[in-house]
Each structure stands twice: as C-alpha cells, then as structure tokens.
Amino acid sequence: MKKIISMMLIAAILIVPFSVCASADDEKVIMNIGTTHYPLKTGTTLLRIVLNSKYVSFGDDVVVKVISKGYNNEEKSQVYSGDSLVCVFEKDRAAKEANPVIYVKDSLEPYQFGHVIIKKDSVFDKDGNGNPGKSVSTSGVGDYRISSNPTDSQLYMDKKFVVGQDITFYFGFPVDFYYDGELIGENTDELDFTFDKTGDHCIEVYKFGIMIDKYEFHIEYEDTVGRAEEQFGNSVSGFLTSLSLFPLSGVFGLFFPILGYAAFLGPVLSGENMVASFFNLVASWFN
C-alpha cells in the first residue's frame, strides 16, 4: 500500500509541472518579434509581431505599445494603432501553419526594442475569447534578411555572378521581390532567379509597398567562353610578369630570401596556371 501511495505522489509531482508548462505555452500570446530595419539600405523600419496560432481573428481596435531603451538607458514608449498597423494571417518559412501577425510600420529603432505589449482583446480565439490585458513579449528581437542557396554562399558573399547562373533567394516571410525595379516575385518567400545580363544590378524586397531589404551585386561575364578567355588572358599576363622577374631572383634572394624563391619559382607556377586555363578555354568552346 505504501508503495502504491509513493508512486502516486511521484506521478503527481511530475504531472503538475508539465501541466503548468503546457498551460503557460497555451496562454502565450506573442510568440516572437522581429525587425527588417536596414537604415543604410532602406531608411525604413518594419516590426513584425507573430502571435499564437490559437487566435483566429483580430479585434476592431488593435493597439500595440513598443517600449524601448536607448543608448543612455532612457526608457521610451510609443503606441501604434489604425493605419500604423497591418494585421494579417501568414506563415513563416519554418512554420507549419499560419499565425496572426501584426506589422508595425515606422516603429522605433531595432537596437532600442525592449518589449512589445498588445492591448487586451486585440485578437480572439475560436471560442470568442480575447487575449488578456498586457500581453507582453518575452523573446528577443530577431531580424530578417535576404539569404540564398548554401551552395552559392561564396558567390553570394562576393556578390559576383555569371550570366545564365541560377540561384534561389529566400526571405523569412512572404514579400515582393523586385529586380532592377521590376516586380518578379509577388507575395512569396522564395525566388528562383537566373542572372540574365552583365553589369551592376539589385534585388529589392518590399512589404506593403515599403522597401525592407536591398541586395546589390555585379555580373562580370557574358558567358562561360568569355569568362574562360578572360581567365586565360590573366594567366598569360601573370606568366609574362613572372618571366620578367626571373632574372632578378638572385638579387632578391640576397636581401629577401622569400622573394628570391618566389621570383625563381614564379614562371613554373604561373606556367602551370596558364596551361590549365588554356585547356579550360578549349573545353568552354565545346560546351
């Protein structure tokens, strides 16, 4: 009997905390907040507040209060409602279902965000119950930016591409993609794109007509043959330069041994590079 009672007590001890955690999760109103503010690129701010998916409708009077602290630790607050807010249902890239989302246009600087408060009865669940008063965010402020395929990460960082190269751009939530001012992807979080012409270009991301990110890049080569020709030309130039320095290898070696070795071995190394780029050029003619 004592053993049974002990087991029941242990079960009760384990169940209570889990019940409290589940209840707390269920009652959480604000799931996360994020900003898309890039002052050097766009000069605009868009604060995104993702709410619990159990809420299925918005109230008639949605109000958001943003509380922040500046560099001098002085607390500030600002209240947003009406035209300053956009209320929608949408999915994140990682989400399995749509969440109610509140966008705050031209909100405080992102480095200042402390927490966000949603007014009581701003959203309602399927039973008609509104969110409780002072629904306060507890997560930190994330940020959103354009990303690309992992396989293209180096090219993405260098911002140099080739005509005909395919790449996929991603964003954290549905947006409008523009290429040199032309709309090429509407209300989507993924854009398959083929670079089509040389020169300097840009991909811009808009939400509700507000530019929230901008990615600038350069396309250097017209085609694979042009790229191979330029590489071969550079390798020939490098080989000729190394040949001109070869007679000076002894002089360099007297004062700077490392430079002497470099001048001595330069023609061999640059010659190998020239031969390799030549075969690469020939191969490009048949592709």
C-alpha atoms as a PDB file:
ATOM      1  CA  MET A   1       0.000   0.000   0.000  1.00  0.00           C
ATOM      2  CA  LYS A   2       2.813   2.391   0.916  1.00  0.00           C
ATOM      3  CA  LYS A   3       4.490   1.584  -2.387  1.00  0.00           C
ATOM      4  CA  ILE A   4       1.322   2.473  -4.328  1.00  0.00           C
ATOM      5  CA  ILE A   5       0.912   5.752  -2.434  1.00  0.00           C
ATOM      6  CA  SER A   6       4.581   6.635  -3.084  1.00  0.00           C
ATOM      7  CA  MET A   7       4.161   6.004  -6.804  1.00  0.00           C
ATOM      8  CA  MET A   8       1.021   8.159  -6.899  1.00  0.00           C
ATOM      9  CA  LEU A   9       2.858  11.008  -5.172  1.00  0.00           C
ATOM     10  CA  ILE A  10       5.755  10.796  -7.634  1.00  0.00           C
ATOM     11  CA  ALA A  11       3.324  10.822 -10.555  1.00  0.00           C
ATOM     12  CA  ALA A  12       1.567  13.855  -9.137  1.00  0.00           C
ATOM     13  CA  ILE A  13       4.879  15.669  -8.688  1.00  0.00           C
ATOM     14  CA  LEU A  14       5.814  15.009 -12.331  1.00  0.00           C
ATOM     15  CA  ILE A  15       2.407  15.815 -13.819  1.00  0.00           C
ATOM     16  CA  VAL A  16       1.882  19.188 -12.140  1.00  0.00           C
ATOM     17  CA  PRO A  17       4.923  20.981 -13.626  1.00  0.00           C
ATOM     18  CA  PHE A  18       4.165  19.657 -17.113  1.00  0.00           C
ATOM     19  CA  SER A  19       0.559  20.791 -16.796  1.00  0.00           C
ATOM     20  CA  VAL A  20       1.694  24.244 -15.763  1.00  0.00           C
ATOM     21  CA  CYS A  21       4.150  24.429 -18.679  1.00  0.00           C
ATOM     22  CA  ALA A  22       1.513  23.343 -21.174  1.00  0.00           C
ATOM     23  CA  SER A  23      -0.901  25.906 -19.808  1.00  0.00           C
ATOM     24  CA  ALA A  24       1.736  28.612 -19.930  1.00  0.00           C
ATOM     25  CA  ASP A  25       2.547  27.776 -23.555  1.00  0.00           C
ATOM     26  CA  ASP A  26      -1.122  27.790 -24.445  1.00  0.00           C
ATOM     27  CA  GLU A  27      -1.612  31.192 -22.844  1.00  0.00           C
ATOM     28  CA  LYS A  28       1.397  32.786 -24.521  1.00  0.00           C
ATOM     29  CA  VAL A  29       0.090  35.464 -26.848  1.00  0.00           C
ATOM     30  CA  ILE A  30       3.221  36.849 -28.535  1.00  0.00           C
ATOM     31  CA  MET A  31       5.367  34.069 -29.972  1.00  0.00           C
ATOM     32  CA  ASN A  32       8.226  36.158 -31.386  1.00  0.00           C
ATOM     33  CA  ILE A  33       9.092  39.575 -32.740  1.00  0.00           C
ATOM     34  CA  GLY A  34      11.490  40.600 -35.490  1.00  0.00           C
ATOM     35  CA  THR A  35      12.597  43.635 -37.429  1.00  0.00           C
ATOM     36  CA  THR A  36      13.577  44.224 -41.037  1.00  0.00           C
ATOM     37  CA  HIS A  37      15.262  47.562 -40.445  1.00  0.00           C
ATOM     38  CA  TYR A  38      18.334  48.324 -42.562  1.00  0.00           C
ATOM     39  CA  PRO A  39      18.881  52.095 -42.258  1.00  0.00           C
ATOM     40  CA  LEU A  40      21.845  52.222 -44.651  1.00  0.00           C
ATOM     41  CA  LYS A  41      19.875  50.371 -47.327  1.00  0.00           C
ATOM     42  CA  THR A  42      16.247  51.340 -46.924  1.00  0.00           C
ATOM     43  CA  GLY A  43      15.744  54.039 -44.290  1.00  0.00           C
ATOM     44  CA  THR A  44      12.581  52.296 -43.099  1.00  0.00           C
ATOM     45  CA  THR A  45      11.527  50.095 -40.206  1.00  0.00           C
ATOM     46  CA  LEU A  46       9.013  47.259 -40.170  1.00  0.00           C
ATOM     47  CA  LEU A  47       8.453  45.471 -36.866  1.00  0.00           C
ATOM     48  CA  ARG A  48       6.847  42.025 -37.192  1.00  0.00           C
ATOM     49  CA  ILE A  49       4.927  40.532 -34.247  1.00  0.00           C
ATOM     50  CA  VAL A  50       3.900  36.867 -34.541  1.00  0.00           C
ATOM     51  CA  LEU A  51       1.012  35.803 -32.285  1.00  0.00           C
ATOM     52  CA  ASN A  52      -0.201  32.437 -31.019  1.00  0.00           C
ATOM     53  CA  SER A  53      -1.927  30.411 -33.768  1.00  0.00           C
ATOM     54  CA  LYS A  54      -4.848  29.674 -31.419  1.00  0.00           C
ATOM     55  CA  TYR A  55      -6.117  33.184 -32.181  1.00  0.00           C
ATOM     56  CA  VAL A  56      -8.228  33.138 -35.335  1.00  0.00           C
ATOM     57  CA  SER A  57      -9.423  36.734 -35.728  1.00  0.00           C
ATOM     58  CA  PHE A  58      -8.414  40.305 -34.995  1.00  0.00           C
ATOM     59  CA  GLY A  59     -10.431  42.771 -32.941  1.00  0.00           C
ATOM     60  CA  ASP A  60     -11.743  46.077 -34.237  1.00  0.00           C
ATOM     61  CA  ASP A  61      -9.305  48.063 -32.121  1.00  0.00           C
ATOM     62  CA  VAL A  62      -5.818  46.547 -32.280  1.00  0.00           C
ATOM     63  CA  VAL A  63      -3.251  48.541 -30.305  1.00  0.00           C
ATOM     64  CA  VAL A  64       0.478  47.867 -29.933  1.00  0.00           C
ATOM     65  CA  LYS A  65       2.781  49.539 -27.442  1.00  0.00           C
ATOM     66  CA  VAL A  66       6.543  49.361 -28.044  1.00  0.00           C
ATOM     67  CA  ILE A  67       8.754  50.003 -25.024  1.00  0.00           C
ATOM     68  CA  SER A  68      12.446  50.565 -25.572  1.00  0.00           C
ATOM     69  CA  LYS A  69      15.680  51.745 -24.038  1.00  0.00           C
ATOM     70  CA  GLY A  70      18.192  53.892 -25.887  1.00  0.00           C
ATOM     71  CA  TYR A  71      21.951  54.005 -25.561  1.00  0.00           C
ATOM     72  CA  ASN A  72      21.663  56.195 -22.468  1.00  0.00           C
ATOM     73  CA  ASN A  73      19.320  53.601 -20.896  1.00  0.00           C
ATOM     74  CA  GLU A  74      16.449  56.087 -21.029  1.00  0.00           C
ATOM     75  CA  GLU A  75      13.152  54.242 -21.439  1.00  0.00           C
ATOM     76  CA  LYS A  76      10.834  55.307 -24.234  1.00  0.00           C
ATOM     77  CA  SER A  77       7.453  54.062 -25.367  1.00  0.00           C
ATOM     78  CA  GLN A  78       5.261  54.583 -28.378  1.00  0.00           C
ATOM     79  CA  VAL A  79       1.711  53.448 -29.097  1.00  0.00           C
ATOM     80  CA  TYR A  80       0.594  52.323 -32.567  1.00  0.00           C
ATOM     81  CA  SER A  81      -2.899  51.745 -33.932  1.00  0.00           C
ATOM     82  CA  GLY A  82      -5.015  52.277 -37.042  1.00  0.00           C
ATOM     83  CA  ASP A  83      -3.013  52.938 -40.220  1.00  0.00           C
ATOM     84  CA  SER A  84       0.295  52.336 -38.418  1.00  0.00           C
ATOM     85  CA  LEU A  85      -0.570  48.631 -38.175  1.00  0.00           C
ATOM     86  CA  VAL A  86      -1.203  45.880 -40.720  1.00  0.00           C
ATOM     87  CA  CYS A  87      -2.899  42.727 -39.389  1.00  0.00           C
ATOM     88  CA  VAL A  88      -2.666  39.543 -41.472  1.00  0.00           C
ATOM     89  CA  PHE A  89      -2.521  35.763 -41.231  1.00  0.00           C
ATOM     90  CA  GLU A  90       0.621  34.274 -42.780  1.00  0.00           C
ATOM     91  CA  LYS A  91       3.282  31.588 -42.395  1.00  0.00           C
ATOM     92  CA  ASP A  92       6.980  31.888 -41.656  1.00  0.00           C
ATOM     93  CA  ARG A  93       9.284  29.725 -43.734  1.00  0.00           C
ATOM     94  CA  ALA A  94       9.671  27.361 -40.774  1.00  0.00           C
ATOM     95  CA  ALA A  95       6.031  27.437 -39.633  1.00  0.00           C
ATOM     96  CA  LYS A  96       3.601  24.576 -40.258  1.00  0.00           C
ATOM     97  CA  GLU A  97       0.506  26.762 -40.039  1.00  0.00           C
ATOM     98  CA  ALA A  98      -0.462  30.389 -40.462  1.00  0.00           C
ATOM     99  CA  ASN A  99      -0.226  32.685 -37.453  1.00  0.00           C
ATOM    100  CA  PRO A 100      -1.879  36.022 -36.822  1.00  0.00           C
ATOM    101  CA  VAL A 101       0.796  38.633 -37.477  1.00  0.00           C
ATOM    102  CA  ILE A 102       0.847  42.341 -36.668  1.00  0.00           C
ATOM    103  CA  TYR A 103       3.188  44.597 -38.643  1.00  0.00           C
ATOM    104  CA  VAL A 104       4.165  47.960 -37.156  1.00  0.00           C
ATOM    105  CA  LYS A 105       5.278  50.475 -39.782  1.00  0.00           C
ATOM    106  CA  ASP A 106       7.999  53.021 -38.955  1.00  0.00           C
ATOM    107  CA  SER A 107       8.497  51.765 -35.405  1.00  0.00           C
ATOM    108  CA  LEU A 108      11.385  52.538 -33.079  1.00  0.00           C
ATOM    109  CA  GLU A 109      14.983  51.738 -33.968  1.00  0.00           C
ATOM    110  CA  PRO A 110      15.637  47.965 -33.678  1.00  0.00           C
ATOM    111  CA  TYR A 111      18.558  48.297 -31.269  1.00  0.00           C
ATOM    112  CA  GLN A 112      16.191  50.014 -28.863  1.00  0.00           C
ATOM    113  CA  PHE A 113      13.458  47.370 -28.699  1.00  0.00           C
ATOM    114  CA  GLY A 114      12.821  46.223 -25.149  1.00  0.00           C
ATOM    115  CA  HIS A 115       9.441  44.536 -25.377  1.00  0.00           C
ATOM    116  CA  VAL A 116       6.052  44.785 -27.030  1.00  0.00           C
ATOM    117  CA  ILE A 117       2.620  44.951 -25.373  1.00  0.00           C
ATOM    118  CA  ILE A 118      -0.600  44.007 -27.174  1.00  0.00           C
ATOM    119  CA  LYS A 119      -3.797  45.626 -25.899  1.00  0.00           C
ATOM    120  CA  LYS A 120      -6.480  43.386 -24.410  1.00  0.00           C
ATOM    121  CA  ASP A 121      -8.946  41.912 -26.944  1.00  0.00           C
ATOM    122  CA  SER A 122      -6.738  42.701 -29.926  1.00  0.00           C
ATOM    123  CA  VAL A 123      -7.104  39.067 -31.093  1.00  0.00           C
ATOM    124  CA  PHE A 124      -9.720  36.365 -30.417  1.00  0.00           C
ATOM    125  CA  ASP A 125      -9.656  32.569 -30.360  1.00  0.00           C
ATOM    126  CA  LYS A 126     -12.270  30.270 -31.950  1.00  0.00           C
ATOM    127  CA  ASP A 127     -14.445  30.476 -28.809  1.00  0.00           C
ATOM    128  CA  GLY A 128     -14.536  34.249 -28.923  1.00  0.00           C
ATOM    129  CA  ASN A 129     -12.110  34.759 -26.058  1.00  0.00           C
ATOM    130  CA  GLY A 130      -9.808  37.732 -26.481  1.00  0.00           C
ATOM    131  CA  ASN A 131      -6.188  37.924 -25.442  1.00  0.00           C
ATOM    132  CA  PRO A 132      -5.678  39.003 -21.837  1.00  0.00           C
ATOM    133  CA  GLY A 133      -4.583  42.510 -20.960  1.00  0.00           C
ATOM    134  CA  LYS A 134      -0.900  43.377 -21.122  1.00  0.00           C
ATOM    135  CA  SER A 135       0.183  40.533 -23.384  1.00  0.00           C
ATOM    136  CA  VAL A 136       3.939  41.150 -23.208  1.00  0.00           C
ATOM    137  CA  SER A 137       6.623  39.741 -25.493  1.00  0.00           C
ATOM    138  CA  THR A 138       9.346  37.713 -23.809  1.00  0.00           C
ATOM    139  CA  SER A 139      11.532  36.726 -26.778  1.00  0.00           C
ATOM    140  CA  GLY A 140      14.414  38.769 -28.117  1.00  0.00           C
ATOM    141  CA  VAL A 141      14.152  40.732 -31.348  1.00  0.00           C
ATOM    142  CA  GLY A 142      15.317  38.787 -34.393  1.00  0.00           C
ATOM    143  CA  ASP A 143      15.959  40.215 -37.842  1.00  0.00           C
ATOM    144  CA  TYR A 144      15.142  39.235 -41.395  1.00  0.00           C
ATOM    145  CA  ARG A 145      17.307  39.477 -44.470  1.00  0.00           C
ATOM    146  CA  ILE A 146      17.723  38.017 -47.944  1.00  0.00           C
ATOM    147  CA  SER A 147      19.515  34.676 -47.998  1.00  0.00           C
ATOM    148  CA  SER A 148      20.456  32.258 -50.773  1.00  0.00           C
ATOM    149  CA  ASN A 149      21.361  28.644 -51.531  1.00  0.00           C
ATOM    150  CA  PRO A 150      24.116  27.242 -49.296  1.00  0.00           C
ATOM    151  CA  THR A 151      25.927  26.054 -52.426  1.00  0.00           C
ATOM    152  CA  ASP A 152      26.084  29.637 -53.661  1.00  0.00           C
ATOM    153  CA  SER A 153      27.291  31.077 -50.356  1.00  0.00           C
ATOM    154  CA  GLN A 154      30.713  32.156 -51.664  1.00  0.00           C
ATOM    155  CA  LEU A 155      29.271  33.812 -54.739  1.00  0.00           C
ATOM    156  CA  TYR A 156      26.610  35.342 -52.539  1.00  0.00           C
ATOM    157  CA  MET A 157      29.239  36.887 -50.278  1.00  0.00           C
ATOM    158  CA  ASP A 158      31.414  38.051 -53.196  1.00  0.00           C
ATOM    159  CA  LYS A 159      28.336  39.406 -54.986  1.00  0.00           C
ATOM    160  CA  LYS A 160      29.770  38.324 -58.341  1.00  0.00           C
ATOM    161  CA  PHE A 161      27.746  36.121 -60.658  1.00  0.00           C
ATOM    162  CA  VAL A 162      27.714  34.762 -64.203  1.00  0.00           C
ATOM    163  CA  VAL A 163      25.068  35.258 -66.863  1.00  0.00           C
ATOM    164  CA  GLY A 164      22.959  32.112 -67.018  1.00  0.00           C
ATOM    165  CA  GLN A 165      23.703  31.151 -63.404  1.00  0.00           C
ATOM    166  CA  ASP A 166      20.683  30.040 -61.373  1.00  0.00           C
ATOM    167  CA  ILE A 167      20.224  30.978 -57.725  1.00  0.00           C
ATOM    168  CA  THR A 168      17.361  30.924 -55.246  1.00  0.00           C
ATOM    169  CA  PHE A 169      16.777  33.844 -52.891  1.00  0.00           C
ATOM    170  CA  TYR A 170      14.841  33.349 -49.652  1.00  0.00           C
ATOM    171  CA  PHE A 171      13.134  35.592 -47.132  1.00  0.00           C
ATOM    172  CA  GLY A 172      11.703  34.813 -43.702  1.00  0.00           C
ATOM    173  CA  PHE A 173       8.093  35.534 -44.705  1.00  0.00           C
ATOM    174  CA  PRO A 174       6.101  36.361 -47.872  1.00  0.00           C
ATOM    175  CA  VAL A 175       7.353  39.506 -49.630  1.00  0.00           C
ATOM    176  CA  ASP A 176       7.522  41.080 -53.088  1.00  0.00           C
ATOM    177  CA  PHE A 177      10.838  40.694 -54.958  1.00  0.00           C
ATOM    178  CA  TYR A 178      11.960  43.330 -57.485  1.00  0.00           C
ATOM    179  CA  TYR A 179      14.858  43.069 -59.931  1.00  0.00           C
ATOM    180  CA  ASP A 180      16.154  46.484 -61.057  1.00  0.00           C
ATOM    181  CA  GLY A 181      12.755  47.978 -60.211  1.00  0.00           C
ATOM    182  CA  GLU A 182      10.682  45.303 -61.955  1.00  0.00           C
ATOM    183  CA  LEU A 183       8.374  43.020 -59.945  1.00  0.00           C
ATOM    184  CA  ILE A 184       9.497  39.391 -60.460  1.00  0.00           C
ATOM    185  CA  GLY A 185       8.088  37.626 -57.362  1.00  0.00           C
ATOM    186  CA  GLU A 186       4.869  38.576 -55.566  1.00  0.00           C
ATOM    187  CA  ASN A 187       3.876  37.590 -52.023  1.00  0.00           C
ATOM    188  CA  THR A 188       6.394  34.747 -51.813  1.00  0.00           C
ATOM    189  CA  ASP A 189       9.265  33.786 -49.504  1.00  0.00           C
ATOM    190  CA  GLU A 190      11.280  32.074 -52.272  1.00  0.00           C
ATOM    191  CA  LEU A 191      12.532  33.362 -55.619  1.00  0.00           C
ATOM    192  CA  ASP A 192      14.187  31.223 -58.319  1.00  0.00           C
ATOM    193  CA  PHE A 193      16.288  33.589 -60.384  1.00  0.00           C
ATOM    194  CA  THR A 194      18.567  33.359 -63.437  1.00  0.00           C
ATOM    195  CA  PHE A 195      21.086  36.149 -63.981  1.00  0.00           C
ATOM    196  CA  ASP A 196      20.450  37.460 -67.466  1.00  0.00           C
ATOM    197  CA  LYS A 197      22.800  40.369 -68.211  1.00  0.00           C
ATOM    198  CA  THR A 198      26.138  41.833 -67.203  1.00  0.00           C
ATOM    199  CA  GLY A 199      26.654  44.939 -65.110  1.00  0.00           C
ATOM    200  CA  ASP A 200      25.519  46.195 -61.711  1.00  0.00           C
ATOM    201  CA  HIS A 201      22.054  45.126 -60.543  1.00  0.00           C
ATOM    202  CA  CYS A 202      19.977  44.787 -57.404  1.00  0.00           C
ATOM    203  CA  ILE A 203      17.268  42.651 -55.861  1.00  0.00           C
ATOM    204  CA  GLU A 204      14.895  44.640 -53.627  1.00  0.00           C
ATOM    205  CA  VAL A 205      12.376  43.285 -51.142  1.00  0.00           C
ATOM    206  CA  TYR A 206       9.115  45.114 -50.421  1.00  0.00           C
ATOM    207  CA  LYS A 207       6.317  44.543 -47.922  1.00  0.00           C
ATOM    208  CA  PHE A 208       3.151  46.648 -48.119  1.00  0.00           C
ATOM    209  CA  GLY A 209       4.981  48.946 -50.543  1.00  0.00           C
ATOM    210  CA  ILE A 210       7.837  49.519 -48.071  1.00  0.00           C
ATOM    211  CA  MET A 211      11.354  48.549 -49.157  1.00  0.00           C
ATOM    212  CA  ILE A 212      12.770  46.467 -46.316  1.00  0.00           C
ATOM    213  CA  ASP A 213      15.945  44.995 -47.841  1.00  0.00           C
ATOM    214  CA  LYS A 214      18.180  45.531 -50.832  1.00  0.00           C
ATOM    215  CA  TYR A 215      20.876  43.253 -52.257  1.00  0.00           C
ATOM    216  CA  GLU A 216      23.306  44.719 -54.806  1.00  0.00           C
ATOM    217  CA  PHE A 217      25.546  42.563 -56.996  1.00  0.00           C
ATOM    218  CA  HIS A 218      27.653  42.546 -60.151  1.00  0.00           C
ATOM    219  CA  ILE A 219      27.604  40.194 -63.150  1.00  0.00           C
ATOM    220  CA  GLU A 220      31.021  40.068 -64.797  1.00  0.00           C
ATOM    221  CA  TYR A 221      30.868  37.544 -67.618  1.00  0.00           C
ATOM    222  CA  GLU A 222      28.649  37.314 -70.649  1.00  0.00           C
ATOM    223  CA  ASP A 223      29.074  33.530 -70.928  1.00  0.00           C
ATOM    224  CA  THR A 224      31.404  30.686 -69.974  1.00  0.00           C
ATOM    225  CA  VAL A 225      33.587  31.267 -73.050  1.00  0.00           C
ATOM    226  CA  GLY A 226      34.040  34.937 -72.177  1.00  0.00           C
ATOM    227  CA  ARG A 227      34.911  34.010 -68.632  1.00  0.00           C
ATOM    228  CA  ALA A 228      37.455  31.398 -69.773  1.00  0.00           C
ATOM    229  CA  GLU A 229      39.008  33.865 -72.224  1.00  0.00           C
ATOM    230  CA  GLU A 230      39.467  36.447 -69.508  1.00  0.00           C
ATOM    231  CA  GLN A 231      40.973  33.881 -67.147  1.00  0.00           C
ATOM    232  CA  PHE A 232      43.385  32.725 -69.872  1.00  0.00           C
ATOM    233  CA  GLY A 233      44.375  36.316 -70.639  1.00  0.00           C
ATOM    234  CA  ASN A 234      45.076  36.968 -66.954  1.00  0.00           C
ATOM    235  CA  SER A 235      47.166  33.793 -66.687  1.00  0.00           C
ATOM    236  CA  VAL A 236      49.257  34.764 -69.753  1.00  0.00           C
ATOM    237  CA  SER A 237      49.850  38.199 -68.261  1.00  0.00           C
ATOM    238  CA  GLY A 238      50.883  36.600 -64.965  1.00  0.00           C
ATOM    239  CA  PHE A 239      53.292  34.246 -66.739  1.00  0.00           C
ATOM    240  CA  LEU A 240      54.985  37.074 -68.652  1.00  0.00           C
ATOM    241  CA  THR A 241      55.335  39.096 -65.468  1.00  0.00           C
ATOM    242  CA  SER A 242      56.936  36.155 -63.663  1.00  0.00           C
ATOM    243  CA  LEU A 243      59.368  35.662 -66.564  1.00  0.00           C
ATOM    244  CA  SER A 244      60.478  39.290 -66.343  1.00  0.00           C
ATOM    245  CA  LEU A 245      61.217  38.863 -62.639  1.00  0.00           C
ATOM    246  CA  PHE A 246      63.072  35.561 -63.005  1.00  0.00           C
ATOM    247  CA  PRO A 247      66.500  37.144 -63.810  1.00  0.00           C
ATOM    248  CA  LEU A 248      66.230  39.150 -60.600  1.00  0.00           C
ATOM    249  CA  SER A 249      65.639  36.117 -58.376  1.00  0.00           C
ATOM    250  CA  GLY A 250      69.293  36.034 -57.323  1.00  0.00           C
ATOM    251  CA  VAL A 251      69.313  39.712 -56.388  1.00  0.00           C
ATOM    252  CA  PHE A 252      66.044  39.367 -54.450  1.00  0.00           C
ATOM    253  CA  GLY A 253      67.449  36.280 -52.702  1.00  0.00           C
ATOM    254  CA  LEU A 254      70.437  38.190 -51.331  1.00  0.00           C
ATOM    255  CA  PHE A 255      68.250  40.620 -49.432  1.00  0.00           C
ATOM    256  CA  PHE A 256      64.908  38.828 -49.130  1.00  0.00           C
ATOM    257  CA  PRO A 257      65.199  35.031 -49.484  1.00  0.00           C
ATOM    258  CA  ILE A 258      61.451  34.529 -49.688  1.00  0.00           C
ATOM    259  CA  LEU A 259      61.186  36.965 -52.607  1.00  0.00           C
ATOM    260  CA  GLY A 260      64.087  35.195 -54.274  1.00  0.00           C
ATOM    261  CA  TYR A 261      62.348  31.835 -54.102  1.00  0.00           C
ATOM    262  CA  ALA A 262      59.118  33.404 -55.350  1.00  0.00           C
ATOM    263  CA  ALA A 263      60.864  35.001 -58.340  1.00  0.00           C
ATOM    264  CA  PHE A 264      62.683  31.743 -59.125  1.00  0.00           C
ATOM    265  CA  LEU A 265      59.599  29.518 -58.944  1.00  0.00           C
ATOM    266  CA  GLY A 266      57.182  32.093 -60.383  1.00  0.00           C
ATOM    267  CA  PRO A 267      57.465  31.043 -64.055  1.00  0.00           C
ATOM    268  CA  VAL A 268      56.860  27.395 -63.162  1.00  0.00           C
ATOM    269  CA  LEU A 269      53.768  28.055 -61.062  1.00  0.00           C
ATOM    270  CA  SER A 270      52.281  30.683 -63.363  1.00  0.00           C
ATOM    271  CA  GLY A 271      53.097  28.469 -66.357  1.00  0.00           C
ATOM    272  CA  GLU A 272      51.073  25.622 -64.861  1.00  0.00           C
ATOM    273  CA  ASN A 273      48.198  28.026 -64.272  1.00  0.00           C
ATOM    274  CA  MET A 274      48.417  29.264 -67.858  1.00  0.00           C
ATOM    275  CA  VAL A 275      48.316  25.723 -69.263  1.00  0.00           C
ATOM    276  CA  ALA A 276      45.329  24.815 -67.075  1.00  0.00           C
ATOM    277  CA  SER A 277      43.412  27.958 -68.100  1.00  0.00           C
ATOM    278  CA  PHE A 278      44.202  27.188 -71.771  1.00  0.00           C
ATOM    279  CA  PHE A 279      42.640  23.727 -71.517  1.00  0.00           C
ATOM    280  CA  ASN A 280      39.694  25.285 -69.671  1.00  0.00           C
ATOM    281  CA  LEU A 281      39.281  27.739 -72.557  1.00  0.00           C
ATOM    282  CA  VAL A 282      39.330  24.953 -75.128  1.00  0.00           C
ATOM    283  CA  ALA A 283      36.763  22.991 -73.104  1.00  0.00           C
ATOM    284  CA  SER A 284      34.456  26.030 -72.980  1.00  0.00           C
ATOM    285  CA  TRP A 285      34.372  26.139 -76.793  1.00  0.00           C
ATOM    286  CA  PHE A 286      32.700  22.737 -76.881  1.00  0.00           C
ATOM    287  CA  ASN A 287      30.194  23.279 -74.037  1.00  0.00           C
END
